């Protein structure tokens, strides 16, 4: 679960019918209106109780202050599994809290900076072990018009939160409130994303998840309104191209596997 969606702080307003947000939600993640009013990337609408989250063209203030200079950790497999599972265990709502802090660039991020750095390191480590061989991945989102308009065609941008997606266009997570389809094109194997398997998430088979690190960089290559996909109507369609650095260190067996499977595994046929 990641956060480029409308976050409802006031469950009594009209938007609440579209989003699974409540007072209980605020209690679970420990964030409220005060957490976002002074956040650098969030726009709080006091009349509707809606917080809008936007992509950014550069590293944001608090991310740069607390996170950007990540540590050079040396975790073993057991420790990596524990760190990643802390994020992928949806029931805890911890991933939501982490992503809201990143998406808003809240100063409260400082309380979670150690874990965010650990997860960044783990994702980069796993990128060469469980590489993405697909040429496209898919994601459902909840976007306001303001958020949609922030994705300027042909511009490069960072999405501040960790980003979950799926290899399979029939399995990406779709909440009833999701009004946006996001498609991410991959020209090469990224160094900050990996294919999540059963070791790292109990939902791996169900979702066929690909997890991108926070502040992944993209170019907006296509966008449109009123888009139909898999018999579902979306208010917005956003197509991105991933432009982070590719993996530089791979063993020979992995290189051979990639050369053989990369185009074989393309899921363009689904579209």
Protein backbone atom coordinates (compact mmCIF):
# COMPACT_ATOMS: atom_id res chain seq x y z
CA UNK A 1 0.00 0.00 0.00
CA UNK A 2 1.39 3.37 -1.01
CA UNK A 3 0.05 6.86 -1.08
CA UNK A 4 -0.70 8.94 -4.08
CA UNK A 5 -4.33 9.08 -3.11
CA UNK A 6 -6.85 11.38 -1.44
CA UNK A 7 -6.41 10.95 2.30
CA UNK A 8 -9.62 11.72 4.19
CA UNK A 9 -9.06 13.25 7.60
CA UNK A 10 -12.71 14.13 8.13
CA UNK A 11 -14.83 10.97 7.71
CA UNK A 12 -18.05 13.01 7.70
CA UNK A 13 -17.42 14.76 4.40
CA UNK A 14 -18.73 13.53 1.06
CA UNK A 15 -15.40 12.04 -0.01
CA UNK A 16 -15.51 9.57 2.88
CA UNK A 17 -17.87 7.33 0.90
CA UNK A 18 -15.08 6.76 -1.63
CA UNK A 19 -12.22 6.07 0.76
CA UNK A 20 -11.71 3.57 3.56
CA UNK A 21 -10.53 6.23 6.02
CA UNK A 22 -11.87 6.81 9.52
CA UNK A 23 -10.97 7.98 13.00
CA UNK A 24 -9.80 4.42 13.60
CA UNK A 25 -7.42 4.85 10.65
CA UNK A 26 -5.89 7.93 12.26
CA UNK A 27 -5.47 6.11 15.54
CA UNK A 28 -3.79 3.13 13.87
CA UNK A 29 -1.14 5.16 12.06
CA UNK A 30 -0.71 7.87 14.71
CA UNK A 31 -0.99 10.81 12.30
CA UNK A 32 -3.60 13.55 12.08
CA UNK A 33 -4.21 17.01 10.61
CA UNK A 34 -1.24 18.52 12.47
CA UNK A 35 1.12 16.03 10.84
CA UNK A 36 0.28 17.34 7.37
CA UNK A 37 -0.50 21.05 7.71
CA UNK A 38 3.21 21.97 7.75
CA UNK A 39 4.42 19.11 5.55
CA UNK A 40 6.35 20.22 2.48
CA UNK A 41 4.69 17.97 -0.13
CA UNK A 42 1.13 17.77 1.20
CA UNK A 43 -1.67 20.24 0.60
CA UNK A 44 -4.29 20.27 3.34
CA UNK A 45 -7.77 21.51 2.38
CA UNK A 46 -9.34 22.62 5.65
CA UNK A 47 -12.81 22.95 4.07
CA UNK A 48 -13.04 19.33 2.89
CA UNK A 49 -10.55 17.68 5.23
CA UNK A 50 -8.67 16.27 2.22
CA UNK A 51 -4.89 16.05 2.00
CA UNK A 52 -3.38 15.96 -1.49
CA UNK A 53 0.02 14.33 -2.10
CA UNK A 54 2.21 15.31 -5.03
CA UNK A 55 5.27 14.02 -6.87
CA UNK A 56 8.36 16.21 -6.65
CA UNK A 57 11.15 17.29 -9.01
CA UNK A 58 13.86 17.04 -6.37
CA UNK A 59 14.66 15.44 -3.03
CA UNK A 60 12.51 17.10 -0.40
CA UNK A 61 13.74 18.92 2.69
CA UNK A 62 13.10 16.36 5.42
CA UNK A 63 13.97 13.38 3.23
CA UNK A 64 17.33 15.01 2.51
CA UNK A 65 17.81 15.85 6.19
CA UNK A 66 16.92 12.46 7.69
CA UNK A 67 17.09 9.76 4.99
CA UNK A 68 19.05 10.51 1.82
CA UNK A 69 22.51 9.56 3.08
CA UNK A 70 21.63 5.94 3.76
CA UNK A 71 23.82 3.69 5.84
CA UNK A 72 25.92 0.88 4.37
CA UNK A 73 24.26 -1.95 6.22
CA UNK A 74 25.32 -5.60 6.14
CA UNK A 75 22.25 -7.64 7.01
CA UNK A 76 21.99 -11.39 6.54
CA UNK A 77 19.04 -13.05 4.82
CA UNK A 78 17.05 -13.57 8.03
CA UNK A 79 17.39 -9.90 8.97
CA UNK A 80 16.43 -8.75 5.46
CA UNK A 81 13.29 -10.89 5.53
CA UNK A 82 12.33 -9.43 8.91
CA UNK A 83 12.81 -5.84 7.70
CA UNK A 84 10.83 -6.32 4.48
CA UNK A 85 8.03 -8.26 6.16
CA UNK A 86 7.54 -5.42 8.61
CA UNK A 87 6.56 -3.35 5.56
CA UNK A 88 4.53 -5.98 3.65
CA UNK A 89 2.42 -7.06 6.64
CA UNK A 90 -0.60 -4.95 5.74
CA UNK A 91 -2.52 -5.64 8.94
CA UNK A 92 -0.10 -3.53 10.97
CA UNK A 93 -0.74 -0.42 8.82
CA UNK A 94 2.97 0.34 9.27
CA UNK A 95 3.60 0.63 5.54
CA UNK A 96 0.81 3.22 5.37
CA UNK A 97 2.39 5.31 8.08
CA UNK A 98 5.83 5.14 6.46
CA UNK A 99 4.46 6.12 3.07
CA UNK A 100 2.34 8.99 4.40
CA UNK A 101 5.42 10.44 6.11
CA UNK A 102 7.44 10.17 2.89
CA UNK A 103 4.63 11.37 0.62
CA UNK A 104 4.06 14.47 2.73
CA UNK A 105 7.71 15.03 3.71
CA UNK A 106 6.51 15.40 7.29
CA UNK A 107 9.04 16.29 9.96
CA UNK A 108 7.69 13.28 11.88
CA UNK A 109 9.76 11.24 9.44
CA UNK A 110 12.71 11.61 11.79
CA UNK A 111 11.12 9.08 14.18
CA UNK A 112 11.10 6.41 11.44
CA UNK A 113 14.31 7.31 9.61
CA UNK A 114 16.30 4.28 10.79
CA UNK A 115 13.73 1.83 9.43
CA UNK A 116 13.28 3.72 6.15
CA UNK A 117 17.04 3.59 5.57
CA UNK A 118 17.08 -0.13 6.34
CA UNK A 119 14.28 -0.82 3.85
CA UNK A 120 15.97 1.25 1.13
CA UNK A 121 19.14 -0.82 1.59
CA UNK A 122 17.23 -4.12 1.53
CA UNK A 123 15.37 -3.25 -1.68
CA UNK A 124 18.62 -2.37 -3.45
CA UNK A 125 20.19 -5.60 -2.19
CA UNK A 126 17.24 -7.69 -3.41
CA UNK A 127 17.08 -5.94 -6.80
CA UNK A 128 19.92 -8.09 -8.16
CA UNK A 129 18.67 -11.29 -6.50
CA UNK A 130 15.01 -11.00 -7.57
CA UNK A 131 15.20 -8.70 -10.61
CA UNK A 132 12.20 -7.40 -12.53
CA UNK A 133 12.19 -9.10 -15.93
CA UNK A 134 8.86 -7.65 -17.07
CA UNK A 135 8.73 -4.59 -19.31
CA UNK A 136 5.63 -3.16 -17.63
CA UNK A 137 4.09 -3.19 -14.16
CA UNK A 138 0.69 -1.99 -13.00
CA UNK A 139 -0.73 -0.06 -10.09
CA UNK A 140 -4.14 1.12 -8.90
CA UNK A 141 -4.36 4.52 -7.24
CA UNK A 142 -6.73 7.08 -5.78
CA UNK A 143 -5.96 10.51 -7.21
CA UNK A 144 -7.60 13.88 -6.94
CA UNK A 145 -7.67 16.14 -10.00
CA UNK A 146 -4.93 18.26 -8.42
CA UNK A 147 -2.70 15.22 -7.99
CA UNK A 148 -3.37 14.05 -11.56
CA UNK A 149 -2.50 17.52 -12.90
CA UNK A 150 0.83 17.42 -11.01
CA UNK A 151 2.02 14.68 -13.38
CA UNK A 152 3.19 16.92 -16.22
CA UNK A 153 3.66 15.22 -19.58
CA UNK A 154 7.31 14.61 -20.58
CA UNK A 155 8.63 15.82 -17.21
CA UNK A 156 10.87 13.86 -14.84
CA UNK A 157 9.73 13.46 -11.25
CA UNK A 158 10.23 11.50 -8.05
CA UNK A 159 7.47 9.63 -6.26
CA UNK A 160 8.46 10.07 -2.60
CA UNK A 161 6.81 6.97 -1.12
CA UNK A 162 7.70 3.33 -1.55
CA UNK A 163 5.67 2.11 -4.50
CA UNK A 164 3.86 -1.21 -4.78
CA UNK A 165 2.85 -2.54 -8.19
CA UNK A 166 2.15 -5.87 -9.88
CA UNK A 167 3.71 -7.82 -12.75
CA UNK A 168 0.24 -9.01 -13.65
CA UNK A 169 -2.32 -6.50 -14.99
CA UNK A 170 -5.08 -8.76 -13.66
CA UNK A 171 -3.72 -8.91 -10.11
CA UNK A 172 -2.63 -5.42 -9.10
CA UNK A 173 -4.31 -4.16 -5.95
CA UNK A 174 -7.56 -2.35 -6.71
CA UNK A 175 -9.57 -0.83 -3.88
CA UNK A 176 -13.14 0.15 -4.66
CA UNK A 177 -12.09 3.78 -4.32
CA UNK A 178 -9.24 3.55 -6.86
CA UNK A 179 -9.98 5.88 -9.75
CA UNK A 180 -6.53 5.86 -11.38
CA UNK A 181 -4.56 3.28 -13.36
CA UNK A 182 -0.81 3.77 -13.33
CA UNK A 183 1.40 1.84 -15.77
CA UNK A 184 5.18 1.85 -15.33
CA UNK A 185 7.39 0.98 -18.30
CA UNK A 186 10.81 -0.57 -17.67
CA UNK A 187 13.49 -0.28 -20.35
CA UNK A 188 16.04 -2.04 -18.18
CA UNK A 189 16.23 -3.83 -14.86
CA UNK A 190 16.12 -1.20 -12.09
CA UNK A 191 18.51 -1.17 -9.15
CA UNK A 192 15.90 -0.05 -6.61
CA UNK A 193 13.02 -2.49 -7.09
CA UNK A 194 12.52 -6.24 -6.72
CA UNK A 195 9.97 -8.98 -7.28
CA UNK A 196 8.42 -9.85 -3.92
CA UNK A 197 8.17 -13.61 -3.26
CA UNK A 198 6.71 -15.70 -0.45
CA UNK A 199 9.76 -15.14 1.75
CA UNK A 200 8.94 -11.47 1.98
CA UNK A 201 5.13 -11.32 1.83
CA UNK A 202 2.21 -13.66 2.44
CA UNK A 203 0.44 -11.84 -0.41
CA UNK A 204 3.11 -12.56 -3.03
CA UNK A 205 1.12 -15.10 -5.04
CA UNK A 206 -2.09 -13.12 -4.76
CA UNK A 207 -0.57 -9.81 -5.87
CA UNK A 208 2.60 -10.75 -7.84
CA UNK A 209 4.04 -7.62 -6.30
CA UNK A 210 6.97 -5.53 -7.46
CA UNK A 211 8.20 -3.11 -4.78
CA UNK A 212 10.02 0.10 -5.74
CA UNK A 213 12.15 2.06 -3.31
CA UNK A 214 11.13 5.52 -2.17
CA UNK A 215 12.07 8.45 -4.41
CA UNK A 216 12.09 6.32 -7.53
CA UNK A 217 12.47 8.54 -10.58
CA UNK A 218 10.09 8.51 -13.55
CA UNK A 219 9.24 10.35 -16.74
CA UNK A 220 5.58 10.98 -17.54
CA UNK A 221 5.04 9.67 -21.06
CA UNK A 222 1.25 9.48 -21.34
CA UNK A 223 -1.87 10.53 -19.45
CA UNK A 224 -5.56 10.66 -20.18
CA UNK A 225 -8.96 10.86 -18.54
CA UNK A 226 -11.82 8.34 -18.67
CA UNK A 227 -9.87 5.16 -19.42
CA UNK A 228 -11.29 1.63 -19.49
CA UNK A 229 -9.04 -1.32 -18.58
CA UNK A 230 -10.00 -4.91 -17.73
CA UNK A 231 -13.68 -3.87 -17.83
CA UNK A 232 -13.12 -1.23 -15.14
CA UNK A 233 -13.52 2.46 -15.84
CA UNK A 234 -10.83 4.74 -14.47
CA UNK A 235 -11.14 8.48 -14.13
CA UNK A 236 -7.42 8.91 -14.79
CA UNK A 237 -4.66 7.01 -16.63
CA UNK A 238 -0.98 7.82 -16.00
CA UNK A 239 1.85 6.07 -17.84
CA UNK A 240 5.39 6.45 -16.56
CA UNK A 241 8.86 5.37 -17.63
CA UNK A 242 11.24 4.33 -14.86
CA UNK A 243 14.54 6.19 -15.20
CA UNK A 244 16.61 5.17 -12.17
CA UNK A 245 20.05 3.68 -12.69
CA UNK A 246 20.06 0.05 -13.87
CA UNK A 247 21.69 -2.73 -11.89
CA UNK A 248 25.47 -2.63 -12.26
CA UNK A 249 26.50 -5.77 -10.39
CA UNK A 250 25.15 -9.12 -11.55
CA UNK A 251 26.67 -12.56 -11.64
CA UNK A 252 27.01 -14.43 -14.95
CA UNK A 253 24.09 -16.81 -14.30
CA UNK A 254 21.76 -13.90 -13.67
CA UNK A 255 22.93 -12.16 -16.84
CA UNK A 256 22.20 -15.30 -18.89
CA UNK A 257 18.76 -15.67 -17.31
CA UNK A 258 17.93 -12.05 -18.03
CA UNK A 259 19.02 -12.26 -21.66
CA UNK A 260 16.86 -15.35 -22.17
CA UNK A 261 13.75 -14.28 -20.25
CA UNK A 262 13.47 -10.52 -20.54
CA UNK A 263 11.39 -10.29 -23.71
CA UNK A 264 9.80 -13.70 -23.18
CA UNK A 265 8.23 -12.42 -19.99
CA UNK A 266 6.90 -9.19 -21.46
CA UNK A 267 3.28 -8.74 -20.50
CA UNK A 268 2.41 -6.34 -23.31
CA UNK A 269 0.06 -9.01 -24.66
CA UNK A 270 -2.29 -8.32 -21.78
CA UNK A 271 -3.11 -4.85 -23.10
